[in-house]
Amino acid sequence: YLATRSGLFRSTNGGTSWTNITPSTAASTAICDMEITSTAAQSRLHIVTGINSAQSYRYTDDPANASTGTGWNSPAVPFAIFNNRAEIAVSGNVLYAMPANGSNQVTQIFKSTDGGVNWAATTGTPPNTVSGSPFANGQAWYDLSVRINPANPNECIIGGIDCARTLDGGDTWQRISAWVGTSGQYVHADQHDIQWWDGGSKLIFACDGGVHYSADKGTTIRDRNTGFRVKQFYSVAIHPTQTNYFLAGAQ
């Protein structure tokens, strides 16, 4: 399955050919997130359409046979929809959604406990950054991430500028990282992905500052950027008299 700005595609021959299976009822052909999960009865494929355009959420219990016109379901009660983007996470029948509003902010986290059929805002809201700015700080078009602990659906981590975690299914959200200042544990700003593994005890955070790792579910996070050659240089200056003297600035 391939999610693109031009639609959702399926290949049954290892990528030699692709079939467009974007639901015709979707508000847009641009796919901003796609997740698949196994439940007791079947595999369910979830998609959110709309990137800087009208959004919609759809799911199918027959992803191997769904087409543009058949097999897709709309939620009975959707999460808040904006003309921006949204990220979702899924574990069995539990899903969390982070929709970004027109100001590129995330003001609410939504949750479903019935596989995406019905959604409701969590009691808790995303905390401000360590510097006091809103959680996404107007950058939701660029950096959003959300992942559920596969061993515990009440434990979920969200990322915007900083990272936050809930241990009670969304009733409260606590910031667990800080990218500026001297308080809290450092994780660089602009979160793009979070991955759990090893039975839900370990985490990798992927952000503009590279890779950060936790061996205790986000309680302690440490920089793991050693030996990478991935700096993004923005400018360079040559010394006016010394031939081999350069100054360069990098992200």
C-alpha atoms as a PDB file:
ATOM      1  CA  TYR A   1       0.000   0.000   0.000  1.00  0.00           C
ATOM      2  CA  LEU A   2       1.358   3.395  -1.021  1.00  0.00           C
ATOM      3  CA  ALA A   3      -0.012   6.692   0.279  1.00  0.00           C
ATOM      4  CA  THR A   4       0.766   9.674  -1.950  1.00  0.00           C
ATOM      5  CA  ARG A   5      -0.462  13.166  -2.710  1.00  0.00           C
ATOM      6  CA  SER A   6      -2.095  11.654  -5.795  1.00  0.00           C
ATOM      7  CA  GLY A   7      -4.014   8.925  -3.992  1.00  0.00           C
ATOM      8  CA  LEU A   8      -3.832   5.538  -2.267  1.00  0.00           C
ATOM      9  CA  PHE A   9      -2.409   2.661  -4.306  1.00  0.00           C
ATOM     10  CA  ARG A  10      -2.169  -1.108  -3.839  1.00  0.00           C
ATOM     11  CA  SER A  11       0.231  -3.564  -5.427  1.00  0.00           C
ATOM     12  CA  THR A  12      -0.250  -7.328  -5.387  1.00  0.00           C
ATOM     13  CA  ASN A  13       2.902  -8.163  -7.340  1.00  0.00           C
ATOM     14  CA  GLY A  14       5.692  -6.618  -5.300  1.00  0.00           C
ATOM     15  CA  GLY A  15       5.394  -3.170  -6.823  1.00  0.00           C
ATOM     16  CA  THR A  16       5.506  -4.091 -10.524  1.00  0.00           C
ATOM     17  CA  SER A  17       2.074  -2.536 -11.037  1.00  0.00           C
ATOM     18  CA  TRP A  18      -0.238  -0.418  -8.897  1.00  0.00           C
ATOM     19  CA  THR A  19      -4.000   0.053  -8.625  1.00  0.00           C
ATOM     20  CA  ASN A  20      -5.592   3.263  -7.395  1.00  0.00           C
ATOM     21  CA  ILE A  21      -7.928   2.418  -4.498  1.00  0.00           C
ATOM     22  CA  THR A  22      -8.554   5.944  -3.174  1.00  0.00           C
ATOM     23  CA  PRO A  23     -12.153   5.984  -1.857  1.00  0.00           C
ATOM     24  CA  SER A  24     -14.359   8.048  -4.157  1.00  0.00           C
ATOM     25  CA  THR A  25     -16.155   9.470  -1.105  1.00  0.00           C
ATOM     26  CA  ALA A  26     -12.956  10.982   0.267  1.00  0.00           C
ATOM     27  CA  ALA A  27     -12.734  14.760   0.271  1.00  0.00           C
ATOM     28  CA  SER A  28      -9.281  14.720  -1.353  1.00  0.00           C
ATOM     29  CA  THR A  29      -6.952  12.361  -3.190  1.00  0.00           C
ATOM     30  CA  ALA A  30      -3.950  13.537  -1.136  1.00  0.00           C
ATOM     31  CA  ILE A  31      -3.249  11.001   1.616  1.00  0.00           C
ATOM     32  CA  CYS A  32      -1.685  12.528   4.731  1.00  0.00           C
ATOM     33  CA  ASP A  33      -1.573   9.338   6.819  1.00  0.00           C
ATOM     34  CA  MET A  34      -2.191   5.616   6.474  1.00  0.00           C
ATOM     35  CA  GLU A  35      -2.171   2.953   9.202  1.00  0.00           C
ATOM     36  CA  ILE A  36      -3.108  -0.721   9.233  1.00  0.00           C
ATOM     37  CA  THR A  37      -3.914  -2.891  12.228  1.00  0.00           C
ATOM     38  CA  SER A  38      -4.974  -6.428  13.039  1.00  0.00           C
ATOM     39  CA  THR A  39      -8.025  -6.978  15.198  1.00  0.00           C
ATOM     40  CA  ALA A  40      -9.576 -10.217  16.371  1.00  0.00           C
ATOM     41  CA  ALA A  41     -11.678 -10.478  13.222  1.00  0.00           C
ATOM     42  CA  GLN A  42      -9.732  -8.830  10.413  1.00  0.00           C
ATOM     43  CA  SER A  43      -7.140  -6.347   9.262  1.00  0.00           C
ATOM     44  CA  ARG A  44      -8.391  -2.753   9.092  1.00  0.00           C
ATOM     45  CA  LEU A  45      -6.757  -0.108   6.913  1.00  0.00           C
ATOM     46  CA  HIS A  46      -7.199   3.507   8.033  1.00  0.00           C
ATOM     47  CA  ILE A  47      -6.475   6.597   5.943  1.00  0.00           C
ATOM     48  CA  VAL A  48      -6.773  10.345   6.366  1.00  0.00           C
ATOM     49  CA  THR A  49      -7.058  12.368   3.175  1.00  0.00           C
ATOM     50  CA  GLY A  50      -6.366  16.055   2.686  1.00  0.00           C
ATOM     51  CA  ILE A  51      -3.088  17.993   2.746  1.00  0.00           C
ATOM     52  CA  ASN A  52      -3.800  21.704   2.888  1.00  0.00           C
ATOM     53  CA  SER A  53      -7.209  20.782   1.542  1.00  0.00           C
ATOM     54  CA  ALA A  54     -10.517  19.320   2.723  1.00  0.00           C
ATOM     55  CA  GLN A  55      -9.949  16.357   5.037  1.00  0.00           C
ATOM     56  CA  SER A  56     -11.749  13.074   5.564  1.00  0.00           C
ATOM     57  CA  TYR A  57     -11.124   9.827   7.417  1.00  0.00           C
ATOM     58  CA  ARG A  58     -12.032   6.429   5.958  1.00  0.00           C
ATOM     59  CA  TYR A  59     -11.385   2.769   6.822  1.00  0.00           C
ATOM     60  CA  THR A  60     -11.827  -0.629   5.222  1.00  0.00           C
ATOM     61  CA  ASP A  61     -11.906  -4.166   6.606  1.00  0.00           C
ATOM     62  CA  ASP A  62     -11.067  -5.617   3.204  1.00  0.00           C
ATOM     63  CA  PRO A  63      -7.958  -3.720   2.075  1.00  0.00           C
ATOM     64  CA  ALA A  64      -6.963  -6.490  -0.338  1.00  0.00           C
ATOM     65  CA  ASN A  65     -10.139  -5.982  -2.367  1.00  0.00           C
ATOM     66  CA  ALA A  66     -11.219  -2.412  -1.690  1.00  0.00           C
ATOM     67  CA  SER A  67     -11.513  -0.165  -4.738  1.00  0.00           C
ATOM     68  CA  THR A  68     -12.223   3.470  -5.406  1.00  0.00           C
ATOM     69  CA  GLY A  69     -15.935   2.758  -5.271  1.00  0.00           C
ATOM     70  CA  THR A  70     -16.401  -0.090  -2.803  1.00  0.00           C
ATOM     71  CA  GLY A  71     -15.231  -1.407   0.543  1.00  0.00           C
ATOM     72  CA  TRP A  72     -14.705   1.904   2.354  1.00  0.00           C
ATOM     73  CA  ASN A  73     -16.516   3.120   5.462  1.00  0.00           C
ATOM     74  CA  SER A  74     -17.065   6.581   6.917  1.00  0.00           C
ATOM     75  CA  PRO A  75     -17.037   7.109  10.699  1.00  0.00           C
ATOM     76  CA  ALA A  76     -20.369   7.526  12.441  1.00  0.00           C
ATOM     77  CA  VAL A  77     -18.854  10.312  14.562  1.00  0.00           C
ATOM     78  CA  PRO A  78     -15.660  11.750  13.019  1.00  0.00           C
ATOM     79  CA  PHE A  79     -12.865  13.638  14.710  1.00  0.00           C
ATOM     80  CA  ALA A  80     -12.571  17.366  14.024  1.00  0.00           C
ATOM     81  CA  ILE A  81     -11.803  18.022  10.378  1.00  0.00           C
ATOM     82  CA  PHE A  82      -9.798  20.993   9.088  1.00  0.00           C
ATOM     83  CA  ASN A  83      -8.318  22.032   5.747  1.00  0.00           C
ATOM     84  CA  ASN A  84      -4.815  21.103   6.812  1.00  0.00           C
ATOM     85  CA  ARG A  85      -3.457  17.667   7.805  1.00  0.00           C
ATOM     86  CA  ALA A  86      -3.893  15.030  10.504  1.00  0.00           C
ATOM     87  CA  GLU A  87      -1.806  12.193  11.893  1.00  0.00           C
ATOM     88  CA  ILE A  88      -3.295   9.021  13.359  1.00  0.00           C
ATOM     89  CA  ALA A  89      -1.997   6.072  15.380  1.00  0.00           C
ATOM     90  CA  VAL A  90      -3.677   2.709  15.815  1.00  0.00           C
ATOM     91  CA  SER A  91      -3.365  -0.312  18.095  1.00  0.00           C
ATOM     92  CA  GLY A  92      -6.155  -2.848  17.650  1.00  0.00           C
ATOM     93  CA  ASN A  93      -9.442  -0.988  18.073  1.00  0.00           C
ATOM     94  CA  VAL A  94      -7.844   2.032  19.764  1.00  0.00           C
ATOM     95  CA  LEU A  95      -6.866   5.034  17.666  1.00  0.00           C
ATOM     96  CA  TYR A  96      -5.594   8.525  18.423  1.00  0.00           C
ATOM     97  CA  ALA A  97      -5.836  11.407  15.946  1.00  0.00           C
ATOM     98  CA  MET A  98      -3.992  14.732  15.832  1.00  0.00           C
ATOM     99  CA  PRO A  99      -5.791  17.091  13.433  1.00  0.00           C
ATOM    100  CA  ALA A 100      -4.146  20.427  12.686  1.00  0.00           C
ATOM    101  CA  ASN A 101      -6.375  23.472  12.375  1.00  0.00           C
ATOM    102  CA  GLY A 102      -6.143  26.359   9.930  1.00  0.00           C
ATOM    103  CA  SER A 103      -3.542  28.072  12.102  1.00  0.00           C
ATOM    104  CA  ASN A 104      -1.310  24.985  12.012  1.00  0.00           C
ATOM    105  CA  GLN A 105      -2.005  24.316  15.673  1.00  0.00           C
ATOM    106  CA  VAL A 106      -3.089  21.119  17.442  1.00  0.00           C
ATOM    107  CA  THR A 107      -5.489  22.086  20.201  1.00  0.00           C
ATOM    108  CA  GLN A 108      -7.129  18.691  20.812  1.00  0.00           C
ATOM    109  CA  ILE A 109      -6.278  15.016  20.595  1.00  0.00           C
ATOM    110  CA  PHE A 110      -9.094  12.692  19.544  1.00  0.00           C
ATOM    111  CA  LYS A 111      -9.548   9.031  20.399  1.00  0.00           C
ATOM    112  CA  SER A 112     -11.584   6.091  19.163  1.00  0.00           C
ATOM    113  CA  THR A 113     -12.043   2.832  21.054  1.00  0.00           C
ATOM    114  CA  ASP A 114     -14.150   1.050  18.417  1.00  0.00           C
ATOM    115  CA  GLY A 115     -11.789   0.931  15.486  1.00  0.00           C
ATOM    116  CA  GLY A 116     -12.478   4.407  14.142  1.00  0.00           C
ATOM    117  CA  VAL A 117     -16.266   4.275  14.004  1.00  0.00           C
ATOM    118  CA  ASN A 118     -16.785   6.857  16.751  1.00  0.00           C
ATOM    119  CA  TRP A 119     -14.382   9.589  17.866  1.00  0.00           C
ATOM    120  CA  ALA A 120     -14.285  11.927  20.861  1.00  0.00           C
ATOM    121  CA  ALA A 121     -11.818  14.525  22.099  1.00  0.00           C
ATOM    122  CA  THR A 122      -9.632  13.349  24.956  1.00  0.00           C
ATOM    123  CA  THR A 123     -10.107  15.149  28.257  1.00  0.00           C
ATOM    124  CA  GLY A 124      -6.506  16.294  28.250  1.00  0.00           C
ATOM    125  CA  THR A 125      -5.088  18.729  25.708  1.00  0.00           C
ATOM    126  CA  PRO A 126      -1.564  18.973  24.269  1.00  0.00           C
ATOM    127  CA  PRO A 127       0.785  20.845  26.629  1.00  0.00           C
ATOM    128  CA  ASN A 128       2.717  23.951  25.632  1.00  0.00           C
ATOM    129  CA  THR A 129       6.353  23.748  24.627  1.00  0.00           C
ATOM    130  CA  VAL A 130       9.066  24.325  27.210  1.00  0.00           C
ATOM    131  CA  SER A 131       9.241  27.962  26.072  1.00  0.00           C
ATOM    132  CA  GLY A 132       5.494  28.452  26.573  1.00  0.00           C
ATOM    133  CA  SER A 133       4.431  28.345  22.926  1.00  0.00           C
ATOM    134  CA  PRO A 134       1.494  26.212  21.757  1.00  0.00           C
ATOM    135  CA  PHE A 135       2.258  22.517  21.260  1.00  0.00           C
ATOM    136  CA  ALA A 136       2.678  22.725  17.474  1.00  0.00           C
ATOM    137  CA  ASN A 137       3.720  26.403  17.483  1.00  0.00           C
ATOM    138  CA  GLY A 138       2.151  27.000  14.063  1.00  0.00           C
ATOM    139  CA  GLN A 139       4.251  24.249  12.441  1.00  0.00           C
ATOM    140  CA  ALA A 140       1.719  21.424  12.255  1.00  0.00           C
ATOM    141  CA  TRP A 141       2.028  21.436   8.464  1.00  0.00           C
ATOM    142  CA  TYR A 142       5.604  20.244   8.981  1.00  0.00           C
ATOM    143  CA  ASP A 143       6.117  18.268  12.208  1.00  0.00           C
ATOM    144  CA  LEU A 144       3.526  15.974  13.774  1.00  0.00           C
ATOM    145  CA  SER A 145       3.811  12.434  15.112  1.00  0.00           C
ATOM    146  CA  VAL A 146       1.766  10.091  17.299  1.00  0.00           C
ATOM    147  CA  ARG A 147       2.309   6.478  18.372  1.00  0.00           C
ATOM    148  CA  ILE A 148       0.595   4.078  20.789  1.00  0.00           C
ATOM    149  CA  ASN A 149       2.461   1.661  23.015  1.00  0.00           C
ATOM    150  CA  PRO A 150       1.559  -1.724  21.454  1.00  0.00           C
ATOM    151  CA  ALA A 151       1.493  -3.253  24.943  1.00  0.00           C
ATOM    152  CA  ASN A 152      -0.787  -0.618  26.472  1.00  0.00           C
ATOM    153  CA  PRO A 153      -3.312   1.452  24.447  1.00  0.00           C
ATOM    154  CA  ASN A 154      -3.658   3.911  27.335  1.00  0.00           C
ATOM    155  CA  GLU A 155      -0.030   4.911  26.799  1.00  0.00           C
ATOM    156  CA  CYS A 156       0.513   7.183  23.818  1.00  0.00           C
ATOM    157  CA  ILE A 157       3.199   9.692  22.837  1.00  0.00           C
ATOM    158  CA  ILE A 158       2.620  12.715  20.613  1.00  0.00           C
ATOM    159  CA  GLY A 159       5.198  14.952  18.986  1.00  0.00           C
ATOM    160  CA  GLY A 160       5.070  18.520  17.745  1.00  0.00           C
ATOM    161  CA  ILE A 161       7.817  20.895  18.789  1.00  0.00           C
ATOM    162  CA  ASP A 162       8.412  18.850  21.959  1.00  0.00           C
ATOM    163  CA  CYS A 163       7.063  15.423  22.931  1.00  0.00           C
ATOM    164  CA  ALA A 164       4.231  14.652  25.346  1.00  0.00           C
ATOM    165  CA  ARG A 165       2.866  11.426  26.818  1.00  0.00           C
ATOM    166  CA  THR A 166      -0.356  10.138  28.295  1.00  0.00           C
ATOM    167  CA  LEU A 167      -0.479   7.191  30.692  1.00  0.00           C
ATOM    168  CA  ASP A 168      -4.240   7.317  31.211  1.00  0.00           C
ATOM    169  CA  GLY A 169      -5.711   7.108  27.744  1.00  0.00           C
ATOM    170  CA  GLY A 170      -5.679  10.837  27.050  1.00  0.00           C
ATOM    171  CA  ASP A 171      -7.140  12.145  30.304  1.00  0.00           C
ATOM    172  CA  THR A 172      -3.862  14.007  30.868  1.00  0.00           C
ATOM    173  CA  TRP A 173      -0.857  14.827  28.673  1.00  0.00           C
ATOM    174  CA  GLN A 174       2.544  15.659  30.146  1.00  0.00           C
ATOM    175  CA  ARG A 175       5.493  17.109  28.245  1.00  0.00           C
ATOM    176  CA  ILE A 176       8.462  14.695  28.388  1.00  0.00           C
ATOM    177  CA  SER A 177      11.100  16.568  26.378  1.00  0.00           C
ATOM    178  CA  ALA A 178      12.515  20.043  25.882  1.00  0.00           C
ATOM    179  CA  TRP A 179      14.586  21.331  23.007  1.00  0.00           C
ATOM    180  CA  VAL A 180      15.713  24.614  24.602  1.00  0.00           C
ATOM    181  CA  GLY A 181      16.675  25.701  28.101  1.00  0.00           C
ATOM    182  CA  THR A 182      18.325  23.784  30.908  1.00  0.00           C
ATOM    183  CA  SER A 183      15.291  22.080  32.475  1.00  0.00           C
ATOM    184  CA  GLY A 184      13.915  18.741  31.339  1.00  0.00           C
ATOM    185  CA  GLN A 185      15.553  16.236  29.016  1.00  0.00           C
ATOM    186  CA  TYR A 186      16.803  17.344  25.638  1.00  0.00           C
ATOM    187  CA  VAL A 187      15.184  16.173  22.424  1.00  0.00           C
ATOM    188  CA  HIS A 188      15.630  18.410  19.403  1.00  0.00           C
ATOM    189  CA  ALA A 189      12.560  20.219  18.072  1.00  0.00           C
ATOM    190  CA  ASP A 190      10.277  19.206  15.188  1.00  0.00           C
ATOM    191  CA  GLN A 191       9.083  15.648  15.714  1.00  0.00           C
ATOM    192  CA  HIS A 192       8.446  13.569  12.582  1.00  0.00           C
ATOM    193  CA  ASP A 193       8.178   9.969  13.771  1.00  0.00           C
ATOM    194  CA  ILE A 194       8.032   7.825  16.900  1.00  0.00           C
ATOM    195  CA  GLN A 195       8.537   4.051  16.940  1.00  0.00           C
ATOM    196  CA  TRP A 196       7.941   1.578  19.780  1.00  0.00           C
ATOM    197  CA  TRP A 197       9.504  -1.877  19.887  1.00  0.00           C
ATOM    198  CA  ASP A 198      10.693  -4.659  22.175  1.00  0.00           C
ATOM    199  CA  GLY A 199       7.291  -5.232  23.726  1.00  0.00           C
ATOM    200  CA  GLY A 200       6.541  -1.543  24.102  1.00  0.00           C
ATOM    201  CA  SER A 201       9.470  -0.735  26.387  1.00  0.00           C
ATOM    202  CA  LYS A 202      11.818   1.053  23.983  1.00  0.00           C
ATOM    203  CA  LEU A 203      11.366   4.117  21.783  1.00  0.00           C
ATOM    204  CA  ILE A 204      13.043   5.914  18.916  1.00  0.00           C
ATOM    205  CA  PHE A 205      12.249   9.574  18.226  1.00  0.00           C
ATOM    206  CA  ALA A 206      13.019  10.969  14.760  1.00  0.00           C
ATOM    207  CA  CYS A 207      13.224  14.743  14.550  1.00  0.00           C
ATOM    208  CA  ASP A 208      15.075  17.597  12.871  1.00  0.00           C
ATOM    209  CA  GLY A 209      17.910  16.872  15.293  1.00  0.00           C
ATOM    210  CA  GLY A 210      18.293  13.258  14.209  1.00  0.00           C
ATOM    211  CA  VAL A 211      17.667  10.211  16.391  1.00  0.00           C
ATOM    212  CA  HIS A 212      16.879  10.092  20.112  1.00  0.00           C
ATOM    213  CA  TYR A 213      16.405   6.871  22.103  1.00  0.00           C
ATOM    214  CA  SER A 214      14.609   5.768  25.238  1.00  0.00           C
ATOM    215  CA  ALA A 215      14.889   2.387  26.950  1.00  0.00           C
ATOM    216  CA  ASP A 216      12.147   3.146  29.508  1.00  0.00           C
ATOM    217  CA  LYS A 217       9.111   4.254  27.477  1.00  0.00           C
ATOM    218  CA  GLY A 218      10.102   7.905  27.314  1.00  0.00           C
ATOM    219  CA  THR A 219      10.972   8.516  30.942  1.00  0.00           C
ATOM    220  CA  THR A 220      14.644   8.936  30.000  1.00  0.00           C
ATOM    221  CA  ILE A 221      15.579  10.007  26.469  1.00  0.00           C
ATOM    222  CA  ARG A 222      19.109  10.345  25.134  1.00  0.00           C
ATOM    223  CA  ASP A 223      20.730  11.684  21.970  1.00  0.00           C
ATOM    224  CA  ARG A 224      22.008   8.935  19.655  1.00  0.00           C
ATOM    225  CA  ASN A 225      23.540  11.087  16.926  1.00  0.00           C
ATOM    226  CA  THR A 226      27.008   9.565  16.771  1.00  0.00           C
ATOM    227  CA  GLY A 227      28.836   8.985  13.529  1.00  0.00           C
ATOM    228  CA  PHE A 228      26.077  10.217  11.232  1.00  0.00           C
ATOM    229  CA  ARG A 229      26.994  12.270   8.172  1.00  0.00           C
ATOM    230  CA  VAL A 230      23.658  13.937   7.650  1.00  0.00           C
ATOM    231  CA  LYS A 231      24.166  17.636   8.356  1.00  0.00           C
ATOM    232  CA  GLN A 232      22.202  20.037   6.169  1.00  0.00           C
ATOM    233  CA  PHE A 233      24.365  23.053   5.362  1.00  0.00           C
ATOM    234  CA  TYR A 234      22.693  26.375   4.696  1.00  0.00           C
ATOM    235  CA  SER A 235      25.664  28.621   4.028  1.00  0.00           C
ATOM    236  CA  VAL A 236      29.430  28.728   3.729  1.00  0.00           C
ATOM    237  CA  ALA A 237      32.051  31.476   3.801  1.00  0.00           C
ATOM    238  CA  ILE A 238      35.637  31.374   2.544  1.00  0.00           C
ATOM    239  CA  HIS A 239      38.360  33.172   4.470  1.00  0.00           C
ATOM    240  CA  PRO A 240      39.552  36.218   2.468  1.00  0.00           C
ATOM    241  CA  THR A 241      43.260  35.307   2.693  1.00  0.00           C
ATOM    242  CA  GLN A 242      43.592  31.722   3.952  1.00  0.00           C
ATOM    243  CA  THR A 243      42.784  29.299   1.131  1.00  0.00           C
ATOM    244  CA  ASN A 244      41.781  26.294   3.248  1.00  0.00           C
ATOM    245  CA  TYR A 245      39.817  28.206   5.921  1.00  0.00           C
ATOM    246  CA  PHE A 246      36.027  27.869   5.725  1.00  0.00           C
ATOM    247  CA  LEU A 247      33.119  28.613   8.042  1.00  0.00           C
ATOM    248  CA  ALA A 248      29.864  26.738   7.459  1.00  0.00           C
ATOM    249  CA  GLY A 249      26.452  26.778   9.112  1.00  0.00           C
ATOM    250  CA  ALA A 250      24.347  23.625   9.329  1.00  0.00           C
ATOM    251  CA  GLN A 251      20.945  22.488  10.589  1.00  0.00           C
END
